[in-house]
Amino acid sequence: MTKPKKETNRFDIKDEAKVIKALKDILSEEEHPLSEERTLKIKGLSITDPSNVIGIEPLSEEAKRCISRFLPEDYEQNKELPTLSYNAEKGKEIKCKYTTEYFNTILVILEATGEGSFELKINTDYPATLLNKHFKIILAPRIDEDY
């Protein structure tokens, strides 16, 4: 008697390819990536782009499988993530400037996961957060004095 194979959660192949392509615009693929099996076991997984502008937290098994190729095989979750400390002055509006390239890439990731919608959180003391059931994407503010 053979054991039934455990079904793996994956995006549709075309959607997974879109997600991976968009992630490649933000992250660098590892020559020796962490295995999907090990990636799936990590709780609270997060990865930040090299410029520390975009933080990505895969929330589902499908998303973790896509992220695994961008994690080194010796990956250790850094529990001490950078602290962001900025607050709006009372009565003053925070203005942030982003390129459409960043947003397009993020929207491709969120759209390709098949949700059709996402939640956008904007606070006066934390960066913009875009999320659906597969990804939480934190976009650090780029503040210019040119406004």
Protein backbone atom coordinates (compact mmCIF):
# COMPACT_ATOMS: atom_id res chain seq x y z
CA MET A 1 0.00 0.00 0.00
CA THR A 2 1.48 3.35 -1.03
CA LYS A 3 0.94 6.55 0.89
CA PRO A 4 -0.99 9.21 -0.99
CA LYS A 5 1.18 12.12 -2.02
CA LYS A 6 0.65 15.27 -0.01
CA GLU A 7 -0.81 17.94 -2.26
CA THR A 8 1.38 21.01 -2.51
CA ASN A 9 -0.11 24.45 -2.63
CA ARG A 10 1.09 26.32 -5.70
CA PHE A 11 -0.12 29.16 -7.83
CA ASP A 12 -1.22 28.41 -11.36
CA ILE A 13 1.98 28.02 -13.43
CA LYS A 14 1.39 31.26 -15.39
CA ASP A 15 0.62 33.23 -12.22
CA GLU A 16 3.67 31.78 -10.46
CA ALA A 17 5.84 32.84 -13.41
CA LYS A 18 4.44 36.40 -13.18
CA VAL A 19 5.09 36.56 -9.44
CA ILE A 20 8.66 35.28 -9.82
CA LYS A 21 9.37 37.68 -12.70
CA ALA A 22 8.10 40.62 -10.62
CA LEU A 23 10.10 39.47 -7.59
CA LYS A 24 13.21 39.39 -9.80
CA ASP A 25 12.66 43.12 -10.40
CA ILE A 26 13.00 43.67 -6.65
CA LEU A 27 15.21 40.86 -5.34
CA SER A 28 18.27 38.95 -6.51
CA GLU A 29 18.02 35.25 -7.18
CA GLU A 30 20.42 33.17 -5.14
CA GLU A 31 22.93 30.87 -6.79
CA HIS A 32 22.35 28.37 -3.96
CA PRO A 33 18.81 29.06 -2.73
CA LEU A 34 17.12 27.80 0.39
CA SER A 35 15.01 24.73 -0.37
CA GLU A 36 11.24 25.11 -0.61
CA GLU A 37 10.89 22.53 2.17
CA ARG A 38 13.01 24.60 4.59
CA THR A 39 11.40 27.86 3.47
CA LEU A 40 7.93 26.49 4.27
CA LYS A 41 8.99 25.78 7.86
CA ILE A 42 10.06 29.37 8.62
CA LYS A 43 7.51 31.32 10.65
CA GLY A 44 7.42 35.09 10.20
CA LEU A 45 9.53 34.97 7.04
CA SER A 46 10.43 38.32 5.54
CA ILE A 47 12.88 39.59 2.96
CA THR A 48 13.92 43.12 2.08
CA ASP A 49 15.21 44.41 -1.23
CA PRO A 50 18.87 45.54 -1.35
CA SER A 51 17.93 49.22 -1.03
CA ASN A 52 15.69 48.58 2.02
CA VAL A 53 12.68 50.17 0.36
CA ILE A 54 10.42 47.14 -0.09
CA GLY A 55 9.85 44.48 2.56
CA ILE A 56 8.02 41.33 1.51
CA GLU A 57 6.38 38.83 3.84
CA PRO A 58 5.00 35.73 2.15
CA LEU A 59 1.80 34.78 4.00
CA SER A 60 0.87 31.57 2.22
CA GLU A 61 2.61 28.36 1.23
CA GLU A 62 2.35 29.40 -2.41
CA ALA A 63 4.06 32.72 -1.73
CA LYS A 64 6.82 31.07 0.34
CA ARG A 65 7.57 28.72 -2.57
CA CYS A 66 8.05 31.75 -4.85
CA ILE A 67 10.28 33.54 -2.33
CA SER A 68 12.53 30.51 -1.65
CA ARG A 69 14.69 31.10 -4.74
CA PHE A 70 15.65 34.55 -3.37
CA LEU A 71 16.86 33.26 0.01
CA PRO A 72 20.40 31.93 0.49
CA GLU A 73 20.70 28.31 1.61
CA ASP A 74 22.18 29.50 4.94
CA TYR A 75 19.29 31.94 5.51
CA GLU A 76 18.54 32.80 9.12
CA GLN A 77 15.50 34.91 9.91
CA ASN A 78 16.70 38.15 11.44
CA LYS A 79 14.39 38.71 14.37
CA GLU A 80 15.68 42.25 14.82
CA LEU A 81 14.20 44.00 11.83
CA PRO A 82 15.12 47.66 11.40
CA THR A 83 13.06 50.02 13.51
CA LEU A 84 11.31 52.74 11.62
CA SER A 85 10.77 55.86 13.64
CA TYR A 86 9.03 58.69 11.94
CA ASN A 87 5.84 60.45 12.87
CA ALA A 88 3.82 63.16 11.27
CA GLU A 89 3.95 66.42 13.09
CA LYS A 90 0.55 67.21 14.51
CA GLY A 91 -1.50 68.78 11.76
CA LYS A 92 1.16 68.19 9.10
CA GLU A 93 0.58 65.82 6.21
CA ILE A 94 3.24 63.24 5.33
CA LYS A 95 4.06 63.21 1.65
CA CYS A 96 5.99 60.34 0.13
CA LYS A 97 7.24 60.00 -3.40
CA TYR A 98 7.58 56.65 -5.17
CA THR A 99 8.27 55.71 -8.74
CA THR A 100 5.47 54.07 -10.68
CA GLU A 101 7.95 51.26 -11.34
CA TYR A 102 7.81 50.24 -7.66
CA PHE A 103 4.03 50.28 -7.63
CA ASN A 104 3.72 48.44 -10.94
CA THR A 105 5.95 45.64 -9.66
CA ILE A 106 4.02 45.38 -6.41
CA LEU A 107 0.69 45.39 -8.23
CA VAL A 108 1.87 42.62 -10.57
CA ILE A 109 2.73 40.47 -7.53
CA LEU A 110 -0.63 41.12 -5.88
CA GLU A 111 -2.63 40.74 -9.09
CA ALA A 112 -0.91 37.52 -10.18
CA THR A 113 -1.87 35.80 -6.94
CA GLY A 114 -5.46 35.78 -8.15
CA GLU A 115 -7.07 37.79 -5.39
CA GLY A 116 -8.49 40.60 -7.51
CA SER A 117 -8.17 43.07 -4.65
CA PHE A 118 -5.79 44.03 -1.88
CA GLU A 119 -5.78 46.05 1.30
CA LEU A 120 -3.80 49.26 1.53
CA LYS A 121 -2.87 50.62 4.95
CA ILE A 122 -1.35 54.06 5.32
CA ASN A 123 -0.55 55.42 8.76
CA THR A 124 1.24 58.47 10.06
CA ASP A 125 3.78 56.37 11.95
CA TYR A 126 4.40 53.39 9.67
CA PRO A 127 5.06 52.85 5.94
CA ALA A 128 2.41 51.95 3.41
CA THR A 129 1.40 48.30 3.65
CA LEU A 130 -0.25 46.46 0.77
CA LEU A 131 -1.55 42.98 1.40
CA ASN A 132 -3.73 40.15 0.29
CA LYS A 133 -3.91 36.58 1.59
CA HIS A 134 -0.57 35.64 -0.04
CA PHE A 135 1.74 38.63 0.42
CA LYS A 136 2.26 41.52 2.78
CA ILE A 137 4.38 44.19 1.12
CA ILE A 138 5.73 47.07 3.17
CA LEU A 139 6.86 50.08 1.23
CA ALA A 140 9.15 52.41 3.13
CA PRO A 141 8.57 56.10 2.51
CA ARG A 142 10.81 58.10 0.30
CA ILE A 143 10.37 61.60 1.56
CA ASP A 144 11.53 64.53 -0.50
CA GLU A 145 11.72 68.12 0.59
CA ASP A 146 10.85 69.18 -2.98
CA TYR A 147 7.09 69.32 -2.35
